[in-house]
Amino acid sequence: MKVLAYRLLYVVAVFAVLGLLLRAVSTSIVSGITEHTDKPYKVSVTDNDSPAYKIGALMLRPIIEARIDRYISEQGLAEYLRDAASAAPPEENFRLIDLEEGEGREVLCGQKVSAMILHFPMDSQETIDPLQAARKISGSTQPVSFRLGAHEVKEINYALAGMRRGGSRVVTVTRDEEGKSDSYYVHLTSVDDKVPEAHDIRNLMSFDKRDTSIKEAVTVARCGDAVSVKYTIKDVRGKVLVGDQVVDFIIGNRSVPIVLELGVVGLRSDSRRSIIVPPELLSGFDQTVDKHGVKIIDAQIKHKKAPNSDSSIE
């Protein structure tokens, strides 16, 4: 009887060890294949301790990937996905922390606004909490009024763009390679003018495509930035109406047609943007661009240090 019990215990122990080994091997294989892939996408496997589940997932994975690869090929998405995966992240020296969402419509770059702005200079020795400090003294600070995009601290323009009335954020700006930073608490108290084209601007359709020939550091066009924009205008049949025009301006200055100015906000310097423009937004261009149908603007941007303030469309 004891011999039978020992043999039974031995068999149980062997199966337990084999089960642990199988689980470890299946986990290692699945995780290894998940981590080492040259696909422009990732097929995730839901966490499950069952070896049978993991081995089944391992067997099904090539079938799933083959179906995805076929769909990508049929739709012509391979180049787009490769470009998206290899795109360099833009250089940023600031970060935003949302505190309150606010209400109403999002403010557009170039609108007149009133905002409460509190500055907290910081260095490596300071431990001040800008959020807590801002809340303590916010009631005693008077709002300042300016055109969004014209504030001398460009990151203030970045922070306020897209906010709603009553909303607040903290923007932290890194000033040098040593990590010294400043923090600003911004509270949008009011939007003091209206943009007749606001509804159409907010509903613009645009499509970005990366230009792989551009190798410089990537920047992003934001409210208040000085940019040089190269653009063409076509009709829906692809006929070029205005070709390869270049204009320099500051985003928010309203020195160029509003669809061109606000249509490039968020555009990366390594990409080309196609903007679908309704007739209502075609004012401001020359007479070669009729106002009777949808047009397409293809645009690319470069940042400028000192654009001319009197930039205009020829």
Protein backbone atom coordinates (compact mmCIF):
# COMPACT_ATOMS: atom_id res chain seq x y z
CA MET A 1 0.00 0.00 0.00
CA LYS A 2 2.84 2.38 0.90
CA VAL A 3 4.61 1.52 -2.37
CA LEU A 4 1.47 2.45 -4.35
CA ALA A 5 1.13 5.72 -2.46
CA TYR A 6 4.78 6.61 -3.09
CA ARG A 7 4.41 5.81 -6.80
CA LEU A 8 1.26 7.92 -7.01
CA LEU A 9 3.01 10.80 -5.23
CA TYR A 10 5.96 10.45 -7.61
CA VAL A 11 3.69 10.60 -10.66
CA VAL A 12 1.92 13.71 -9.30
CA ALA A 13 5.27 15.39 -8.63
CA VAL A 14 6.53 14.59 -12.14
CA PHE A 15 3.40 15.99 -13.75
CA ALA A 16 3.60 19.09 -11.55
CA VAL A 17 7.20 19.72 -12.61
CA LEU A 18 6.34 19.11 -16.26
CA GLY A 19 3.42 21.52 -15.95
CA LEU A 20 5.66 24.23 -14.52
CA LEU A 21 8.25 23.66 -17.24
CA LEU A 22 5.57 23.75 -19.95
CA ARG A 23 4.16 26.98 -18.55
CA ALA A 24 7.60 28.58 -18.39
CA VAL A 25 8.50 27.48 -21.91
CA SER A 26 5.18 28.64 -23.38
CA THR A 27 5.46 31.99 -21.62
CA SER A 28 9.03 32.45 -22.83
CA ILE A 29 8.18 31.57 -26.43
CA VAL A 30 5.10 33.80 -26.59
CA SER A 31 6.82 36.77 -24.92
CA GLY A 32 9.89 36.32 -27.09
CA ILE A 33 7.89 36.40 -30.30
CA THR A 34 5.84 39.34 -29.03
CA GLU A 35 8.94 41.39 -28.24
CA HIS A 36 10.95 40.50 -31.36
CA THR A 37 8.85 41.38 -34.39
CA ASP A 38 9.51 43.46 -37.48
CA LYS A 39 5.82 44.06 -38.10
CA PRO A 40 4.55 47.67 -38.16
CA TYR A 41 1.86 46.58 -35.69
CA LYS A 42 1.66 44.44 -32.57
CA VAL A 43 -0.65 41.49 -31.91
CA SER A 44 -1.12 41.32 -28.15
CA VAL A 45 -1.85 38.08 -26.32
CA THR A 46 -4.17 38.36 -23.34
CA ASP A 47 -2.46 37.35 -20.12
CA ASN A 48 -3.47 33.80 -19.24
CA ASP A 49 -1.57 31.22 -17.18
CA SER A 50 -2.86 28.26 -19.15
CA PRO A 51 -0.06 26.60 -21.19
CA ALA A 52 -2.66 25.29 -23.63
CA TYR A 53 -3.96 28.82 -24.16
CA LYS A 54 -0.48 30.20 -24.78
CA ILE A 55 0.49 27.43 -27.18
CA GLY A 56 -2.82 27.89 -29.01
CA ALA A 57 -2.16 31.61 -29.26
CA LEU A 58 1.32 30.84 -30.58
CA MET A 59 -0.13 28.61 -33.30
CA LEU A 60 -2.85 31.08 -34.29
CA ARG A 61 -0.58 34.12 -34.32
CA PRO A 62 0.95 33.49 -37.81
CA ILE A 63 -2.54 32.99 -39.24
CA ILE A 64 -3.79 36.25 -37.72
CA GLU A 65 -0.71 38.16 -38.86
CA ALA A 66 -1.04 36.76 -42.39
CA ARG A 67 -4.62 38.06 -42.59
CA ILE A 68 -3.54 41.47 -41.28
CA ASP A 69 -0.59 41.61 -43.69
CA ARG A 70 -2.89 40.78 -46.60
CA TYR A 71 -5.35 43.52 -45.62
CA ILE A 72 -2.52 46.07 -45.25
CA SER A 73 -1.18 45.13 -48.68
CA GLU A 74 -4.60 45.30 -50.36
CA GLN A 75 -5.34 48.72 -48.84
CA GLY A 76 -1.90 50.15 -49.64
CA LEU A 77 -1.16 50.89 -45.99
CA ALA A 78 2.31 49.33 -45.71
CA GLU A 79 4.26 52.52 -46.43
CA TYR A 80 2.00 54.58 -44.18
CA LEU A 81 2.45 52.21 -41.23
CA ARG A 82 6.22 52.03 -41.72
CA ASP A 83 6.45 55.81 -41.79
CA ALA A 84 4.27 56.16 -38.71
CA ALA A 85 6.32 53.60 -36.78
CA SER A 86 9.66 55.17 -37.71
CA ALA A 87 8.63 58.81 -37.31
CA ALA A 88 10.91 60.65 -34.92
CA PRO A 89 9.13 62.21 -31.94
CA PRO A 90 9.05 66.02 -32.05
CA GLU A 91 11.39 67.96 -29.79
CA GLU A 92 9.41 69.37 -26.86
CA ASN A 93 10.58 71.53 -23.97
CA PHE A 94 7.25 71.76 -22.16
CA ARG A 95 4.47 69.65 -20.72
CA LEU A 96 0.87 70.43 -19.85
CA ILE A 97 -1.16 69.36 -16.82
CA ASP A 98 -4.93 69.83 -17.13
CA LEU A 99 -6.71 70.97 -13.96
CA GLU A 100 -10.18 72.12 -15.04
CA GLU A 101 -11.87 71.50 -18.38
CA GLY A 102 -13.98 74.65 -18.55
CA GLU A 103 -17.12 75.10 -20.66
CA GLY A 104 -18.19 76.34 -24.07
CA ARG A 105 -16.28 76.01 -27.33
CA GLU A 106 -12.52 75.65 -27.60
CA VAL A 107 -10.69 78.95 -28.05
CA LEU A 108 -8.96 79.41 -31.41
CA CYS A 109 -5.51 80.82 -31.94
CA GLY A 110 -5.78 84.53 -32.77
CA GLN A 111 -8.84 85.22 -30.63
CA LYS A 112 -8.74 87.92 -27.95
CA VAL A 113 -8.72 86.35 -24.50
CA SER A 114 -8.42 87.29 -20.85
CA ALA A 115 -6.46 84.91 -18.67
CA MET A 116 -4.97 84.71 -15.22
CA ILE A 117 -1.29 83.75 -15.46
CA LEU A 118 0.93 82.94 -12.49
CA HIS A 119 4.66 82.38 -12.91
CA PHE A 120 6.70 80.11 -10.65
CA PRO A 121 10.43 80.22 -11.47
CA MET A 122 12.09 77.02 -10.29
CA ASP A 123 15.61 75.66 -9.93
CA SER A 124 17.14 72.46 -8.64
CA GLN A 125 16.93 73.69 -5.03
CA GLU A 126 13.23 74.54 -5.04
CA THR A 127 10.48 72.15 -4.03
CA ILE A 128 7.52 74.49 -4.56
CA ASP A 129 4.28 72.87 -5.69
CA PRO A 130 2.97 75.23 -8.40
CA LEU A 131 -0.53 73.73 -8.32
CA GLN A 132 -0.96 74.30 -4.61
CA ALA A 133 0.56 77.78 -4.72
CA ALA A 134 -1.60 78.82 -7.67
CA ARG A 135 -4.79 77.77 -5.95
CA LYS A 136 -3.88 79.72 -2.81
CA ILE A 137 -3.32 83.07 -4.53
CA SER A 138 -5.53 82.78 -7.61
CA GLY A 139 -8.24 84.95 -6.08
CA SER A 140 -5.92 87.94 -5.72
CA THR A 141 -4.55 87.93 -9.27
CA GLN A 142 -6.02 90.10 -12.03
CA PRO A 143 -6.51 88.65 -15.53
CA VAL A 144 -4.50 90.03 -18.45
CA SER A 145 -5.94 90.49 -21.95
CA PHE A 146 -4.12 89.72 -25.20
CA ARG A 147 -4.56 88.10 -28.59
CA LEU A 148 -3.87 84.39 -28.30
CA GLY A 149 -0.60 83.74 -30.08
CA ALA A 150 0.90 87.12 -29.16
CA HIS A 151 1.97 86.40 -25.57
CA GLU A 152 5.72 86.89 -25.08
CA VAL A 153 6.02 83.45 -23.46
CA LYS A 154 5.28 81.13 -26.37
CA GLU A 155 4.39 78.21 -24.10
CA ILE A 156 1.52 80.30 -22.66
CA ASN A 157 0.05 80.44 -26.16
CA TYR A 158 0.51 76.67 -26.48
CA ALA A 159 -1.22 76.08 -23.14
CA LEU A 160 -4.24 78.31 -23.80
CA ALA A 161 -4.92 77.17 -27.38
CA GLY A 162 -7.82 74.74 -27.35
CA MET A 163 -8.89 75.51 -23.79
CA ARG A 164 -12.46 76.39 -22.83
CA ARG A 165 -13.68 79.35 -20.79
CA GLY A 166 -13.08 78.65 -17.09
CA GLY A 167 -10.50 75.96 -17.82
CA SER A 168 -7.07 75.89 -16.23
CA ARG A 169 -3.72 74.22 -16.83
CA VAL A 170 -0.17 74.19 -15.57
CA VAL A 171 2.59 74.38 -18.17
CA THR A 172 6.13 73.44 -17.12
CA VAL A 173 8.91 74.70 -19.38
CA THR A 174 12.45 73.29 -19.41
CA ARG A 175 14.84 76.19 -20.04
CA ASP A 176 18.23 74.50 -20.45
CA GLU A 177 20.07 71.18 -20.64
CA GLU A 178 20.57 71.16 -16.85
CA GLY A 179 16.85 70.69 -16.38
CA LYS A 180 16.06 74.12 -14.92
CA SER A 181 12.41 74.89 -15.46
CA ASP A 182 9.64 77.42 -14.97
CA SER A 183 6.02 76.66 -14.26
CA TYR A 184 2.99 78.73 -15.21
CA TYR A 185 -0.54 78.38 -13.94
CA VAL A 186 -3.00 79.60 -16.61
CA HIS A 187 -6.73 80.10 -16.15
CA LEU A 188 -8.83 81.19 -19.14
CA THR A 189 -11.33 83.65 -17.67
CA SER A 190 -13.02 84.80 -20.90
CA VAL A 191 -12.95 84.79 -24.69
CA ASP A 192 -13.45 88.40 -25.77
CA ASP A 193 -14.23 88.18 -29.49
CA LYS A 194 -15.83 85.85 -32.01
CA VAL A 195 -14.55 84.21 -35.18
CA PRO A 196 -17.29 84.00 -37.86
CA GLU A 197 -15.55 81.01 -39.47
CA ALA A 198 -15.08 79.18 -36.14
CA HIS A 199 -17.58 76.40 -36.87
CA ASP A 200 -16.04 75.56 -40.25
CA ILE A 201 -12.49 75.78 -38.87
CA ARG A 202 -13.27 73.35 -36.06
CA ASN A 203 -14.76 70.89 -38.57
CA LEU A 204 -11.95 70.98 -41.13
CA MET A 205 -10.89 67.62 -42.52
CA SER A 206 -7.16 67.12 -43.04
CA PHE A 207 -4.80 64.24 -43.76
CA ASP A 208 -1.08 64.13 -42.97
CA LYS A 209 1.56 62.15 -44.84
CA ARG A 210 5.16 61.93 -43.66
CA ASP A 211 7.94 63.07 -45.99
CA THR A 212 10.76 60.56 -45.43
CA SER A 213 13.28 62.75 -47.27
CA ILE A 214 13.30 65.27 -44.40
CA LYS A 215 16.00 64.37 -41.88
CA GLU A 216 16.16 67.48 -39.65
CA ALA A 217 14.89 67.67 -36.08
CA VAL A 218 11.10 67.50 -36.04
CA THR A 219 9.08 70.52 -34.92
CA VAL A 220 5.33 71.06 -34.64
CA ALA A 221 3.45 74.20 -35.71
CA ARG A 222 1.67 75.71 -32.71
CA CYS A 223 -0.22 78.87 -31.84
CA GLY A 224 2.12 81.88 -31.88
CA ASP A 225 4.90 80.17 -33.82
CA ALA A 226 6.65 81.94 -36.68
CA VAL A 227 6.44 79.64 -39.69
CA SER A 228 7.11 79.50 -43.40
CA VAL A 229 4.40 77.60 -45.27
CA LYS A 230 4.75 76.21 -48.78
CA TYR A 231 1.36 75.38 -50.26
CA THR A 232 -0.59 74.54 -53.39
CA ILE A 233 -4.32 74.79 -54.01
CA LYS A 234 -6.16 72.27 -56.21
CA ASP A 235 -9.75 71.59 -57.15
CA VAL A 236 -11.37 68.23 -56.45
CA ARG A 237 -10.24 66.90 -59.85
CA GLY A 238 -6.61 67.59 -58.97
CA LYS A 239 -6.19 70.65 -61.22
CA VAL A 240 -3.63 73.01 -59.70
CA LEU A 241 -5.07 76.51 -59.19
CA VAL A 242 -2.21 77.97 -57.13
CA GLY A 243 1.14 76.21 -57.21
CA ASP A 244 4.13 76.22 -54.87
CA GLN A 245 3.45 79.47 -53.03
CA VAL A 246 5.51 80.34 -49.93
CA VAL A 247 4.32 82.69 -47.21
CA ASP A 248 5.83 83.60 -43.83
CA PHE A 249 3.60 84.51 -40.89
CA ILE A 250 3.01 84.14 -37.19
CA ILE A 251 0.15 81.77 -36.36
CA GLY A 252 -2.57 83.88 -34.76
CA ASN A 253 -1.68 87.21 -36.44
CA ARG A 254 -4.49 86.91 -39.02
CA SER A 255 -2.14 88.14 -41.76
CA VAL A 256 -3.06 85.28 -44.14
CA PRO A 257 -6.35 83.51 -44.92
CA ILE A 258 -7.60 81.91 -41.73
CA VAL A 259 -7.87 78.43 -43.26
CA LEU A 260 -4.18 78.51 -44.15
CA GLU A 261 -3.19 79.95 -40.77
CA LEU A 262 -5.16 77.62 -38.52
CA GLY A 263 -5.11 74.70 -40.96
CA VAL A 264 -1.41 74.11 -40.28
CA VAL A 265 -1.70 74.08 -36.47
CA GLY A 266 -0.37 70.74 -35.26
CA LEU A 267 1.43 70.00 -38.55
CA ARG A 268 4.86 68.40 -38.14
CA SER A 269 7.82 69.72 -40.11
CA ASP A 270 8.44 66.24 -41.55
CA SER A 271 4.93 65.88 -42.96
CA ARG A 272 2.69 67.22 -45.71
CA ARG A 273 -0.94 68.05 -44.90
CA SER A 274 -3.88 67.94 -47.30
CA ILE A 275 -6.73 70.17 -46.07
CA ILE A 276 -10.25 69.78 -47.48
CA VAL A 277 -11.54 73.37 -47.67
CA PRO A 278 -15.25 74.23 -48.02
CA PRO A 279 -16.19 77.32 -50.11
CA GLU A 280 -16.95 79.32 -46.95
CA LEU A 281 -13.24 79.36 -46.03
CA LEU A 282 -11.79 80.37 -49.41
CA SER A 283 -11.89 84.14 -48.85
CA GLY A 284 -8.54 85.91 -48.81
CA PHE A 285 -6.95 84.05 -51.73
CA ASP A 286 -6.47 85.60 -55.16
CA GLN A 287 -8.99 85.46 -58.00
CA THR A 288 -7.64 82.21 -59.45
CA VAL A 289 -9.33 80.43 -56.53
CA ASP A 290 -13.09 80.56 -57.13
CA LYS A 291 -15.45 80.34 -54.17
CA HIS A 292 -17.92 77.90 -55.76
CA GLY A 293 -16.61 74.50 -54.78
CA VAL A 294 -14.49 72.49 -52.39
CA LYS A 295 -10.74 72.94 -52.76
CA ILE A 296 -7.72 71.04 -51.45
CA ILE A 297 -4.72 72.78 -49.91
CA ASP A 298 -1.46 70.82 -49.66
CA ALA A 299 0.86 72.44 -47.12
CA GLN A 300 4.28 71.96 -45.54
CA ILE A 301 5.80 74.08 -42.76
CA LYS A 302 9.17 75.24 -41.55
CA HIS A 303 9.77 77.25 -38.41
CA LYS A 304 11.20 80.74 -38.80
CA LYS A 305 13.08 82.89 -36.30
CA ALA A 306 12.03 86.31 -37.53
CA PRO A 307 9.24 86.39 -40.15
CA ASN A 308 8.02 89.62 -41.68
CA SER A 309 5.06 91.00 -39.77
CA ASP A 310 3.41 92.22 -43.00
CA SER A 311 3.30 88.80 -44.69
CA SER A 312 0.44 88.38 -47.10
CA ILE A 313 -0.81 86.22 -49.94
CA GLU A 314 0.33 87.37 -53.36
